[in-house]
Protein backbone atom coordinates (compact mmCIF):
# COMPACT_ATOMS: atom_id res chain seq x y z
CA MET A 1 0.00 0.00 0.00
CA VAL A 2 1.08 3.57 -0.62
CA MET A 3 0.31 6.58 1.51
CA LYS A 4 -2.16 9.04 0.11
CA GLY A 5 -0.59 11.89 -1.81
CA THR A 6 2.38 9.77 -2.87
CA SER A 7 2.83 9.39 -6.61
CA PRO A 8 4.61 6.58 -8.46
CA GLN A 9 7.13 9.14 -9.63
CA ASP A 10 7.94 9.94 -6.02
CA LEU A 11 8.70 6.24 -5.47
CA GLY A 12 10.98 6.05 -8.48
CA PHE A 13 8.59 4.40 -11.00
CA GLU A 14 8.01 5.59 -14.56
CA LEU A 15 4.31 5.37 -15.48
CA LEU A 16 3.31 3.46 -18.60
CA ASP A 17 0.68 5.01 -20.86
CA ARG A 18 -1.74 2.08 -20.93
CA GLU A 19 -4.67 4.17 -22.00
CA ALA A 20 -2.98 5.01 -25.30
CA GLY A 21 -4.25 2.70 -28.03
CA ARG A 22 -6.96 1.23 -25.85
CA SER A 23 -10.58 1.51 -26.74
CA PHE A 24 -13.16 2.63 -24.27
CA LEU A 25 -14.79 -0.82 -24.50
CA GLU A 26 -11.54 -2.62 -23.63
CA MET A 27 -10.98 -0.53 -20.55
CA SER A 28 -14.54 -1.03 -19.45
CA LEU A 29 -14.26 -4.78 -19.78
CA ALA A 30 -10.96 -4.73 -17.82
CA GLU A 31 -12.52 -2.80 -15.01
CA GLU A 32 -15.39 -5.27 -14.79
CA ASN A 33 -12.93 -8.21 -14.51
CA PHE A 34 -11.27 -6.84 -11.38
CA LYS A 35 -12.97 -6.57 -8.03
CA GLU A 36 -11.74 -5.45 -4.66
CA GLY A 37 -11.02 -8.29 -2.20
CA GLU A 38 -9.91 -10.79 -4.87
CA VAL A 39 -6.62 -12.51 -5.43
CA VAL A 40 -5.26 -12.17 -8.98
CA ARG A 41 -2.04 -12.93 -10.79
CA GLY A 42 0.29 -10.10 -11.70
CA ARG A 43 3.75 -9.62 -13.19
CA VAL A 44 6.69 -7.91 -11.51
CA LEU A 45 7.72 -4.91 -13.63
CA ARG A 46 10.30 -3.22 -11.47
CA ILE A 47 12.09 -3.80 -8.10
CA THR A 48 13.53 -0.93 -6.08
CA PRO A 49 15.16 -1.02 -2.64
CA ASP A 50 11.77 -0.32 -1.02
CA HIS A 51 8.95 -1.26 -3.41
CA VAL A 52 7.87 -3.64 -6.15
CA LEU A 53 5.81 -2.44 -9.22
CA VAL A 54 3.25 -5.10 -10.30
CA ASP A 55 1.08 -5.18 -13.45
CA ILE A 56 -2.22 -7.07 -13.06
CA GLY A 57 -3.58 -6.09 -16.50
CA TYR A 58 -5.60 -3.19 -15.18
CA LYS A 59 -5.47 0.30 -16.61
CA SER A 60 -2.89 1.20 -13.97
CA GLU A 61 -0.17 -0.67 -12.08
CA GLY A 62 0.08 -1.22 -8.36
CA PHE A 63 3.14 -1.00 -6.19
CA ILE A 64 3.72 -3.07 -3.08
CA PRO A 65 6.24 -2.50 -0.24
CA LEU A 66 9.22 -4.79 -0.66
CA TRP A 67 8.94 -6.13 2.88
CA GLU A 68 5.72 -7.96 1.95
CA PHE A 69 7.78 -10.23 -0.29
CA ARG A 70 10.06 -11.22 2.56
CA GLY A 71 9.14 -14.56 4.05
CA PRO A 72 10.62 -16.32 7.10
CA GLU A 73 13.66 -17.22 5.00
CA GLY A 74 14.21 -13.78 3.45
CA LEU A 75 13.46 -12.18 0.09
CA GLY A 76 14.33 -15.28 -1.86
CA THR A 77 14.85 -15.06 -5.64
CA LEU A 78 12.23 -12.45 -6.67
CA LYS A 79 12.98 -11.23 -10.23
CA GLU A 80 11.50 -8.73 -12.68
CA GLY A 81 9.11 -10.48 -15.06
CA GLU A 82 8.10 -13.07 -12.45
CA ASP A 83 4.40 -13.81 -11.90
CA VAL A 84 3.05 -13.37 -8.36
CA SER A 85 -0.33 -13.60 -6.63
CA VAL A 86 -1.58 -10.32 -5.18
CA PHE A 87 -4.65 -9.12 -3.31
CA ILE A 88 -6.70 -6.20 -4.63
CA GLU A 89 -7.37 -3.91 -1.75
CA SER A 90 -8.71 -1.03 -3.88
CA ILE A 91 -9.36 -0.66 -7.63
CA GLU A 92 -8.29 2.93 -7.57
CA ASP A 93 -6.88 5.24 -4.95
CA GLN A 94 -7.08 9.03 -4.98
CA ASP A 95 -4.20 9.16 -7.41
CA GLY A 96 -5.80 6.68 -9.75
CA PHE A 97 -3.63 3.66 -8.97
CA VAL A 98 -4.70 0.18 -7.97
CA VAL A 99 -3.84 -0.72 -4.36
CA LEU A 100 -2.32 -4.25 -4.04
CA SER A 101 -1.01 -6.45 -1.22
CA LYS A 102 1.26 -9.45 -1.51
CA GLU A 103 0.93 -10.25 2.21
CA ARG A 104 -2.89 -10.42 2.10
CA ALA A 105 -2.76 -12.64 -0.98
CA ASP A 106 -0.32 -15.02 0.71
CA GLN A 107 -2.53 -15.20 3.78
CA LEU A 108 -5.64 -16.03 1.78
CA VAL A 109 -3.80 -18.69 -0.23
CA ALA A 110 -2.28 -20.05 2.98
CA TRP A 111 -5.64 -20.22 4.76
CA ASP A 112 -7.12 -22.13 1.81
CA GLU A 113 -4.17 -24.55 1.88
CA ILE A 114 -4.39 -24.93 5.65
CA ALA A 115 -8.11 -25.67 5.41
CA ARG A 116 -7.45 -28.30 2.77
CA VAL A 117 -4.66 -29.92 4.86
CA SER A 118 -6.86 -29.91 7.95
CA GLU A 119 -9.78 -31.52 6.13
CA LYS A 120 -7.56 -34.28 4.69
CA ASP A 121 -5.72 -34.77 8.02
CA SER A 122 -2.49 -34.25 6.10
CA THR A 123 0.75 -32.49 7.07
CA ILE A 124 2.19 -29.06 6.47
CA GLU A 125 5.66 -27.54 6.68
CA GLY A 126 6.57 -24.46 8.63
CA VAL A 127 9.44 -22.49 10.15
CA VAL A 128 9.75 -21.77 13.86
CA VAL A 129 9.89 -17.97 14.10
CA GLY A 130 9.66 -17.20 17.79
CA LYS A 131 8.93 -18.15 21.38
CA VAL A 132 5.53 -17.38 22.89
CA LYS A 133 3.89 -18.20 26.19
CA GLY A 134 3.45 -21.95 26.44
CA GLY A 135 5.26 -22.84 23.25
CA LEU A 136 6.48 -21.61 19.87
CA SER A 137 5.20 -19.50 17.01
CA VAL A 138 5.42 -21.18 13.59
CA ASP A 139 5.05 -19.58 10.15
CA ILE A 140 3.06 -21.89 7.85
CA GLY A 141 1.99 -19.01 5.63
CA VAL A 142 0.21 -17.54 8.60
CA LYS A 143 1.21 -17.61 12.24
CA ALA A 144 0.31 -20.83 14.08
CA PHE A 145 0.82 -21.97 17.66
CA LEU A 146 2.93 -25.00 18.59
CA PRO A 147 2.35 -25.93 22.29
CA GLY A 148 5.39 -26.98 24.28
CA SER A 149 3.87 -30.42 24.91
CA GLN A 150 3.58 -30.99 21.15
CA ILE A 151 7.14 -30.06 20.17
CA ASP A 152 8.81 -33.43 20.69
CA LEU A 153 8.39 -36.83 22.31
CA ARG A 154 10.28 -35.53 25.33
CA PRO A 155 10.38 -32.03 26.85
CA VAL A 156 12.81 -29.72 25.04
CA LYS A 157 15.14 -27.97 27.46
CA ASN A 158 16.30 -25.15 25.17
CA LEU A 159 13.65 -23.78 22.78
CA ASP A 160 16.16 -21.33 21.30
CA ASP A 161 17.81 -24.24 19.49
CA LEU A 162 14.65 -24.63 17.36
CA LEU A 163 14.36 -21.04 16.17
CA GLY A 164 14.71 -20.70 12.41
CA LYS A 165 14.38 -24.44 11.77
CA ARG A 166 11.87 -25.97 9.37
CA PHE A 167 9.74 -28.94 10.44
CA THR A 168 6.69 -30.87 9.29
CA PHE A 169 3.58 -30.53 11.44
CA LYS A 170 0.10 -31.94 11.87
CA ILE A 171 -2.84 -29.53 12.34
CA ILE A 172 -4.69 -30.54 15.48
CA LYS A 173 -6.93 -27.48 15.76
CA PHE A 174 -8.17 -25.09 13.04
CA ASN A 175 -10.62 -22.16 13.27
CA LYS A 176 -10.44 -19.75 10.31
CA LYS A 177 -12.95 -17.27 11.70
CA ARG A 178 -10.94 -16.82 14.90
CA GLY A 179 -7.64 -17.15 13.09
CA ASN A 180 -6.69 -19.99 15.47
CA ILE A 181 -4.30 -22.75 14.32
CA VAL A 182 -2.69 -25.26 16.69
CA LEU A 183 0.06 -27.56 15.43
CA SER A 184 1.69 -30.76 16.66
CA ARG A 185 5.04 -32.19 15.75
CA ARG A 186 4.84 -34.83 18.45
CA ALA A 187 1.88 -36.56 16.77
CA LEU A 188 3.97 -37.16 13.64
CA LEU A 189 6.96 -38.32 15.69
CA GLU A 190 4.76 -40.80 17.55
CA GLN A 191 3.46 -42.18 14.27
CA GLU A 192 6.98 -42.43 12.93
CA ARG A 193 8.21 -44.01 16.15
CA GLU A 194 5.44 -46.61 16.13
CA SER A 195 6.30 -47.54 12.56
CA GLN A 196 10.01 -47.77 13.41
CA LYS A 197 9.20 -49.77 16.52
CA ASN A 198 7.35 -52.42 14.53
CA ASP A 199 10.26 -52.68 12.10
CA THR A 200 12.77 -52.95 14.96
CA LEU A 201 10.76 -55.57 16.87
CA ALA A 202 10.53 -57.67 13.74
CA LYS A 203 14.30 -58.02 13.42
CA LEU A 204 15.43 -57.69 17.06
CA ARG A 205 17.17 -60.76 18.57
CA GLU A 206 19.83 -61.52 21.17
CA GLY A 207 23.34 -61.24 19.79
CA LEU A 208 22.35 -58.70 17.11
CA ILE A 209 24.64 -55.67 16.68
CA ILE A 210 22.44 -52.69 15.90
CA ASP A 211 22.75 -48.91 15.45
CA GLY A 212 21.23 -46.65 18.06
CA VAL A 213 21.18 -43.09 19.37
CA VAL A 214 21.81 -42.10 22.99
CA LYS A 215 18.49 -40.80 24.27
CA ASN A 216 19.12 -40.30 27.97
CA ILE A 217 21.96 -40.73 30.49
CA THR A 218 21.62 -41.73 34.16
CA ASP A 219 24.06 -42.62 36.92
CA TYR A 220 23.64 -46.32 36.20
CA GLY A 221 23.69 -46.29 32.41
CA ALA A 222 22.31 -44.87 29.16
CA PHE A 223 19.05 -45.41 27.29
CA ILE A 224 19.58 -46.06 23.60
CA ASP A 225 16.91 -45.39 20.96
CA LEU A 226 16.88 -48.39 18.60
CA ARG A 227 14.38 -46.72 16.22
CA GLY A 228 11.10 -46.93 18.05
CA ILE A 229 12.13 -48.90 21.13
CA ASP A 230 14.53 -48.01 23.94
CA GLY A 231 17.19 -50.32 25.32
CA LEU A 232 19.26 -49.98 28.51
CA LEU A 233 23.02 -49.93 28.24
CA HIS A 234 24.16 -50.50 31.82
CA ILE A 235 27.36 -48.82 32.98
CA THR A 236 28.95 -52.23 33.62
CA ASP A 237 28.41 -53.14 29.97
CA MET A 238 29.88 -49.96 28.51
CA SER A 239 33.58 -50.68 28.75
CA TRP A 240 35.98 -53.42 29.76
CA GLY A 241 37.84 -50.65 31.58
CA ARG A 242 36.96 -48.54 34.61
CA ILE A 243 34.45 -45.69 34.22
CA ASN A 244 32.93 -43.65 37.02
CA HIS A 245 29.94 -42.26 35.12
CA PRO A 246 28.30 -43.07 31.76
CA SER A 247 28.84 -39.47 30.63
CA GLU A 248 32.55 -40.25 30.34
CA LEU A 249 31.76 -42.33 27.25
CA MET A 250 28.28 -41.21 26.16
CA SER A 251 26.55 -37.96 25.23
CA ILE A 252 22.89 -37.37 24.35
CA GLY A 253 22.34 -37.57 20.59
CA GLN A 254 25.47 -39.65 20.04
CA GLN A 255 25.16 -42.44 17.48
CA THR A 256 26.60 -45.78 18.55
CA LYS A 257 26.58 -49.47 17.77
CA VAL A 258 25.39 -51.78 20.54
CA LYS A 259 24.90 -55.50 21.00
CA VAL A 260 21.59 -56.99 22.15
CA LEU A 261 22.37 -59.00 25.31
CA LYS A 262 18.82 -59.84 26.41
CA PHE A 263 15.44 -59.27 24.75
CA ASP A 264 12.10 -59.72 26.52
CA ARG A 265 9.69 -59.54 23.59
CA GLU A 266 6.58 -59.76 25.76
CA ASN A 267 7.52 -56.76 27.91
CA GLU A 268 9.58 -55.09 25.17
CA ARG A 269 12.65 -54.80 27.39
CA VAL A 270 16.09 -54.76 25.84
CA SER A 271 19.46 -55.05 27.60
CA LEU A 272 22.37 -53.78 25.56
CA GLY A 273 26.13 -54.03 25.66
CA LEU A 274 28.87 -51.92 24.14
CA LYS A 275 31.99 -53.63 25.44
CA GLN A 276 30.72 -56.99 24.16
CA ILE A 277 31.33 -55.79 20.60
CA THR A 278 35.09 -56.01 21.24
CA PRO A 279 37.02 -59.07 22.55
CA ASP A 280 37.35 -59.53 26.32
CA PRO A 281 40.91 -58.38 27.17
CA TRP A 282 41.07 -60.94 30.01
CA GLN A 283 40.76 -63.81 27.55
CA HIS A 284 44.48 -63.85 26.75
CA ALA A 285 45.74 -61.86 29.75
CA PRO A 286 47.94 -64.72 31.14
CA GLU A 287 49.89 -64.79 27.87
CA ARG A 288 50.39 -61.02 27.87
CA TYR A 289 51.15 -60.73 31.60
CA PRO A 290 53.07 -63.84 32.75
CA VAL A 291 54.03 -64.09 36.42
CA GLY A 292 57.44 -62.56 37.07
CA ASN A 293 57.36 -60.09 34.17
CA GLN A 294 57.96 -56.41 34.75
CA ILE A 295 55.27 -54.18 33.23
CA THR A 296 54.27 -50.51 33.21
CA GLY A 297 50.84 -49.26 34.14
CA ARG A 298 48.90 -46.18 35.21
CA VAL A 299 47.46 -45.67 38.71
CA VAL A 300 43.68 -45.26 38.33
CA SER A 301 42.47 -45.61 41.93
CA LEU A 302 43.75 -45.57 45.52
CA THR A 303 42.21 -47.38 48.49
CA ASP A 304 43.24 -47.93 52.09
CA TYR A 305 44.67 -51.33 51.19
CA GLY A 306 46.43 -50.59 47.91
CA ALA A 307 46.48 -49.06 44.44
CA PHE A 308 44.74 -50.22 41.26
CA VAL A 309 46.96 -50.00 38.19
CA GLU A 310 45.54 -50.08 34.65
CA LEU A 311 47.67 -52.22 32.35
CA GLU A 312 45.38 -51.76 29.35
CA GLN A 313 41.75 -50.82 28.86
CA GLY A 314 39.75 -53.36 30.81
CA VAL A 315 42.69 -54.95 32.65
CA GLU A 316 43.68 -53.66 36.08
CA GLY A 317 45.97 -55.08 38.72
CA LEU A 318 46.18 -54.45 42.46
CA VAL A 319 49.37 -53.39 44.19
CA HIS A 320 48.68 -54.26 47.82
CA ILE A 321 50.07 -51.78 50.34
CA SER A 322 52.37 -54.51 51.65
CA GLU A 323 53.94 -54.86 48.17
CA MET A 324 54.90 -51.19 47.78
CA SER A 325 58.12 -50.95 49.77
CA TRP A 326 60.60 -53.34 51.39
CA THR A 327 61.43 -51.02 54.26
CA LYS A 328 58.94 -48.14 54.57
CA ARG A 329 55.96 -48.53 56.85
CA ILE A 330 53.22 -47.10 54.62
CA LYS A 331 49.96 -46.13 56.32
CA HIS A 332 48.20 -45.23 53.06
CA PRO A 333 49.18 -45.70 49.38
CA SER A 334 48.82 -41.94 48.82
CA ALA A 335 52.10 -41.54 50.71
CA LEU A 336 53.88 -43.01 47.67
CA LEU A 337 51.47 -42.77 44.73
CA LYS A 338 48.81 -40.56 43.19
CA VAL A 339 46.19 -41.20 40.52
CA GLY A 340 47.72 -40.82 37.06
CA ASP A 341 51.23 -41.94 38.03
CA GLU A 342 53.06 -44.28 35.64
CA VAL A 343 54.58 -47.12 37.67
CA ASN A 344 56.72 -50.17 37.01
CA CYS A 345 55.42 -53.38 38.58
CA ILE A 346 56.17 -57.07 38.74
CA VAL A 347 53.35 -59.55 38.07
CA LEU A 348 53.06 -61.63 41.25
CA ASP A 349 49.94 -63.66 40.40
CA ILE A 350 47.14 -63.71 37.82
CA ASP A 351 43.68 -65.28 37.98
CA PRO A 352 41.81 -64.69 34.69
CA LYS A 353 38.61 -66.37 35.95
CA ALA A 354 38.39 -63.99 38.90
CA ARG A 355 39.78 -61.19 36.69
CA ARG A 356 42.51 -60.41 39.21
CA ILE A 357 46.18 -59.60 38.85
CA SER A 358 48.43 -59.13 41.88
CA LEU A 359 51.27 -56.68 41.32
CA GLY A 360 54.28 -55.59 43.31
CA ILE A 361 56.31 -52.40 43.15
CA LYS A 362 58.95 -53.25 45.73
CA GLN A 363 59.92 -56.34 43.71
CA THR A 364 61.41 -54.07 41.03
CA GLU A 365 64.27 -53.36 43.50
CA PRO A 366 66.61 -55.73 45.39
CA ASN A 367 65.20 -57.15 48.61
CA PRO A 368 67.24 -55.74 51.53
CA TRP A 369 66.08 -58.66 53.66
CA ASP A 370 68.27 -60.97 51.57
CA GLU A 371 71.32 -59.08 52.84
CA LEU A 372 70.08 -58.97 56.42
CA VAL A 373 70.10 -62.77 56.69
CA THR A 374 73.82 -62.82 55.86
CA LYS A 375 74.74 -59.62 57.67
CA TYR A 376 73.02 -60.49 60.96
CA PRO A 377 73.33 -64.20 61.77
CA SER A 378 71.78 -65.48 64.99
CA GLY A 379 73.84 -64.49 68.05
CA THR A 380 75.10 -61.22 66.59
CA ARG A 381 75.26 -58.44 69.19
CA ILE A 382 74.11 -55.01 68.06
CA LYS A 383 73.40 -51.62 69.56
CA ALA A 384 70.14 -49.97 68.55
CA THR A 385 67.88 -47.10 69.53
CA ILE A 386 64.37 -47.70 70.85
CA LYS A 387 61.91 -46.24 68.30
CA ASN A 388 58.65 -47.40 69.80
CA ILE A 389 57.36 -49.10 72.95
CA THR A 390 54.25 -51.29 73.04
CA ASP A 391 52.72 -53.49 75.72
CA PHE A 392 54.26 -56.55 74.04
CA GLY A 393 57.80 -55.27 73.50
CA LEU A 394 60.29 -52.77 72.08
CA PHE A 395 60.83 -51.80 68.44
CA VAL A 396 64.42 -50.77 67.78
CA GLY A 397 66.02 -49.41 64.61
CA VAL A 398 68.44 -51.88 63.05
CA GLU A 399 69.00 -50.10 59.71
CA GLU A 400 67.18 -47.41 57.76
CA GLY A 401 63.66 -48.73 57.26
CA ILE A 402 64.39 -51.96 59.16
CA ASP A 403 63.08 -52.34 62.72
CA GLY A 404 63.65 -55.22 65.08
CA LEU A 405 61.35 -56.41 67.87
CA ILE A 406 62.47 -57.31 71.37
CA HIS A 407 59.50 -59.16 72.84
CA ILE A 408 58.68 -58.46 76.48
CA SER A 409 59.45 -62.09 77.27
CA ASP A 410 63.00 -61.60 75.95
CA LEU A 411 63.81 -58.54 78.04
CA SER A 412 64.85 -60.28 81.26
CA TRP A 413 65.40 -63.76 82.64
CA THR A 414 64.27 -62.85 86.09
CA VAL A 415 62.16 -59.66 86.09
CA ARG A 416 58.51 -60.05 85.14
CA LEU A 417 57.43 -56.72 83.59
CA SER A 418 53.81 -55.69 83.23
CA HIS A 419 54.94 -53.17 80.57
CA PRO A 420 58.37 -52.57 78.95
CA ASN A 421 58.25 -48.86 79.83
CA GLU A 422 58.91 -49.85 83.45
CA LEU A 423 62.59 -50.26 82.51
CA PHE A 424 63.05 -48.61 79.10
CA GLY A 425 62.31 -45.31 77.38
CA LYS A 426 61.85 -44.20 73.78
CA GLY A 427 65.11 -42.95 72.24
CA GLN A 428 67.23 -44.98 74.64
CA GLU A 429 70.16 -46.87 73.09
CA ILE A 430 70.39 -50.49 74.21
CA GLU A 431 72.32 -53.61 73.35
CA ALA A 432 70.60 -56.76 72.11
CA VAL A 433 71.27 -60.12 70.49
CA VAL A 434 69.91 -61.19 67.07
CA LEU A 435 67.61 -64.17 67.58
CA ASN A 436 66.18 -64.65 64.08
CA VAL A 437 65.79 -62.90 60.70
CA ASP A 438 62.60 -64.08 58.97
CA LYS A 439 63.00 -62.96 55.36
CA GLU A 440 59.66 -64.38 54.21
CA ASN A 441 57.61 -62.51 56.82
CA GLU A 442 60.07 -59.59 57.08
CA ARG A 443 60.54 -59.95 60.83
CA PHE A 444 63.72 -59.17 62.74
CA SER A 445 63.66 -60.74 66.23
CA LEU A 446 66.01 -59.57 68.97
CA GLY A 447 66.56 -60.47 72.61
CA ARG A 448 68.07 -58.59 75.52
CA LYS A 449 68.05 -61.27 78.20
CA GLN A 450 70.15 -63.44 75.85
CA LEU A 451 73.09 -61.11 76.52
CA HIS A 452 73.49 -63.19 79.73
CA ASN A 453 73.20 -66.85 80.52
CA ASP A 454 69.95 -68.23 81.84
CA PRO A 455 70.20 -67.98 85.68
CA TRP A 456 67.51 -70.56 86.31
CA PRO A 457 69.82 -73.59 86.28
CA THR A 458 71.81 -71.89 89.10
CA LEU A 459 68.75 -70.70 90.97
CA GLU A 460 67.40 -74.23 90.96
CA HIS A 461 70.17 -75.22 93.36
CA ILE A 462 69.35 -72.33 95.70
CA TYR A 463 65.58 -72.48 95.74
CA LYS A 464 65.15 -76.14 96.52
CA GLU A 465 61.80 -77.68 97.29
CA GLY A 466 61.05 -77.80 101.05
CA ARG A 467 63.15 -74.80 101.98
CA VAL A 468 61.70 -71.60 103.43
CA PHE A 469 62.64 -68.17 102.06
CA ALA A 470 61.70 -64.58 102.63
CA ALA A 471 59.63 -63.02 99.84
CA GLN A 472 57.92 -59.72 99.15
CA VAL A 473 54.30 -59.50 97.99
CA THR A 474 54.04 -57.90 94.52
CA ALA A 475 50.43 -58.73 93.64
CA VAL A 476 47.25 -60.16 95.18
CA THR A 477 44.71 -61.99 93.02
CA LYS A 478 41.56 -64.00 93.63
CA SER A 479 43.44 -67.24 93.06
CA GLY A 480 46.47 -66.43 95.20
CA VAL A 481 49.42 -64.19 96.00
CA ILE A 482 52.47 -63.37 93.87
CA ALA A 483 55.60 -62.82 95.94
CA GLN A 484 59.05 -61.90 94.64
CA LEU A 485 62.13 -63.80 95.73
CA GLU A 486 65.72 -62.59 95.49
CA ALA A 487 66.97 -61.67 91.98
CA GLY A 488 63.51 -60.53 91.00
CA ILE A 489 62.06 -64.01 90.52
CA ASP A 490 58.34 -64.26 91.24
CA GLY A 491 56.80 -67.17 93.03
CA PHE A 492 53.11 -68.00 93.19
CA ILE A 493 51.32 -68.82 96.46
CA PRO A 494 47.93 -70.46 95.70
CA GLU A 495 44.93 -69.35 97.74
CA GLY A 496 44.84 -72.67 99.63
CA GLU A 497 48.48 -72.25 100.68
CA THR A 498 48.20 -68.77 102.18
CA ALA A 499 46.97 -70.07 105.58
CA ASP A 500 45.34 -73.07 107.24
CA LYS A 501 42.02 -71.27 106.76
CA PRO A 502 42.34 -68.90 103.78
CA ALA A 503 40.46 -65.64 104.01
CA ASP A 504 37.50 -64.90 101.75
CA ASP A 505 39.28 -61.79 100.50
CA LEU A 506 43.07 -62.07 100.26
CA THR A 507 43.40 -58.31 99.72
CA GLN A 508 42.29 -57.84 103.30
CA VAL A 509 45.22 -59.98 104.51
CA PHE A 510 48.10 -59.13 102.18
CA GLN A 511 49.43 -55.77 101.06
CA ILE A 512 51.86 -54.93 98.24
CA GLY A 513 55.42 -54.80 99.64
CA GLN A 514 54.59 -56.99 102.64
CA GLY A 515 57.30 -59.50 103.66
CA VAL A 516 56.27 -63.16 104.04
CA SER A 517 57.89 -66.52 104.86
CA ALA A 518 57.13 -69.11 102.15
CA MET A 519 58.23 -72.68 101.52
CA ILE A 520 59.27 -73.75 98.01
CA THR A 521 56.90 -76.55 96.92
CA THR A 522 57.59 -76.65 93.14
CA VAL A 523 60.52 -75.46 90.99
CA ASP A 524 60.15 -75.72 87.19
CA PRO A 525 63.22 -74.19 85.42
CA GLN A 526 61.76 -74.99 81.96
CA GLU A 527 58.64 -72.93 82.60
CA HIS A 528 60.48 -70.48 84.87
CA ARG A 529 57.88 -71.20 87.51
CA ILE A 530 58.09 -71.46 91.33
CA VAL A 531 55.13 -72.41 93.55
CA MET A 532 55.31 -71.61 97.30
CA SER A 533 53.29 -72.16 100.48
CA ILE A 534 52.96 -69.88 103.51
CA ARG A 535 50.89 -72.53 105.30
CA LYS A 536 53.66 -75.16 105.08
CA ALA A 537 56.39 -72.66 105.96
CA ALA A 538 54.63 -71.91 109.25
CA GLY A 539 55.12 -75.49 110.45
CA SER A 540 58.81 -75.76 109.54
CA GLY A 541 61.81 -75.14 111.72
CA GLU A 542 63.07 -72.32 109.47
CA ALA A 543 59.97 -70.19 109.81
CA ALA A 544 61.17 -68.41 112.97
CA ASP A 545 64.60 -67.59 111.52
CA VAL A 546 63.10 -66.22 108.31
CA ALA A 547 60.50 -64.22 110.23
CA ALA A 548 63.30 -62.64 112.29
CA ILE A 549 65.16 -61.76 109.10
CA ILE A 550 62.03 -60.16 107.64
CA SER A 551 61.53 -58.16 110.85
CA ARG A 552 65.09 -56.82 110.78
CA ARG A 553 64.71 -56.13 107.07
CA ASP A 554 61.64 -53.96 107.73
CA GLU A 555 63.52 -52.09 110.42
CA ALA A 556 66.73 -51.63 108.41
CA LYS A 557 65.00 -51.52 105.01
CA SER A 558 67.44 -54.11 103.68
CA THR A 559 66.92 -55.77 100.30
CA LEU A 560 65.78 -59.27 99.52
CA GLY A 561 69.33 -59.99 98.42
CA ASP A 562 70.64 -59.01 101.83
CA MET A 563 68.00 -61.18 103.44
CA LEU A 564 68.95 -64.16 101.28
CA LYS A 565 72.64 -63.77 102.11
CA GLU A 566 71.84 -63.58 105.85
CA GLN A 567 69.55 -66.57 105.58
CA LEU A 568 72.14 -68.70 103.73
CA ALA A 569 74.86 -67.62 106.18
CA THR A 570 72.68 -68.66 109.13
CA LYS A 571 72.07 -72.07 107.60
CA ASP A 572 75.78 -72.61 106.92
CA LYS A 573 76.63 -71.61 110.51
CA ASN A 574 74.08 -74.05 111.93
CA LYS A 575 75.65 -76.83 109.84
């Protein structure tokens, strides 16, 4: 349309003298053939940057704004001399020109086509031109509405990705009077999917390798569209190697080949596999990784008990924490390794059925324990520093990374310790004797009491059965009393031997440090065990002499050794 008062010359058109040579009858007939509100065919005479001059065979031409020729995809290939459909808005304006509209003509043609498509339940193409509330706006010649629920089989997360794209639609609602058109793309996709599904079900079988498209990804796997039917590709069937999440291998929309592992035709459930397309790497693993061979791998995971090393995709071995170092005490593998490290290992064992390979890192270096066996034969005396004290013994440093254990039972021949810290302290340097070097179990055993001869063979001649000696109470239990003799040797006095009528509670009768007279009833040098009796000592002839010695000892605070010497001297004098 042109604004009133605007002439064709103002718009850059040269008028053609169509009246010249025409008869009055011809012009009258032409006027009768054209009516306002009709769509007619015309020819493009001239194209300017803003308007298009069109001849419809009337006594005057019409000019149409150029923008009316621009569709969703642009101006296209409009050329001079081309025929176009136009709408007659007015036979003659105030300047005597016909008023035409390309846009109105397109709309009328489009509405007729849309009505025909709707009646035949056919399809129509259109271009997505914008986002509106609840869906998209589509140009199918006129503007139509595409609800969000009808865009695809699944909700579309980003509608912007669809702008400017051409699709085929089905008209699900049409009202020309109200200018209301509702489209559906989903209806066509469902029809297509149902057709594809029937084709897929007809050929689907276990063992079949088939093309698919990744439709959705979860923590436990991916759903693959097999053209109309979905199958589950579980994460454990994606790769022979280690993956933490399916997204490491899969992305939505990705095309992939998969193998049908299981197919439940009745319930239409399909289990798929990806790794099963390639050979199982464990099948010939023993030939590639024989025991004793040195190999290189990459650390892929660390646990409290070791490190998993990938030798190839799908084949991993475990380096147990005990196989990482000959000498270092490793609390956690992260002290030596980190994920991604390349490491050299020795194959210690392989079990293809269990899909396990045991690896060792320390075996790539000489075993220092081999040298220790030769360097420290049994009986060797060494000086070492106490590094740690436990309730069962002392750990001392023999060499860098090598500790030896002195068990509490090997600390003294005569002193019974409740804890080693009663006599020793951390950091203290002591002397000890090598008892044994166990290379297989990596144990270095030492003894301190072995620095001296076993005194028990000598003590057996002193503490003879039937003799009475002074002793000092060191502990009171429910079953009896423990009393220490000279040289720190403990003797046990059973409850029934504490008195003719033992008390119900021995703690009420005996106190720690109390001196008692006890008769030796049993001496067992092999078990380092002496059993005594206070009851029997009371009826012997030595009881009075020993009691007098204990009394003087309490007054003079003499030692058990002094008491023993006095006691032995008294016996020799009486002889």
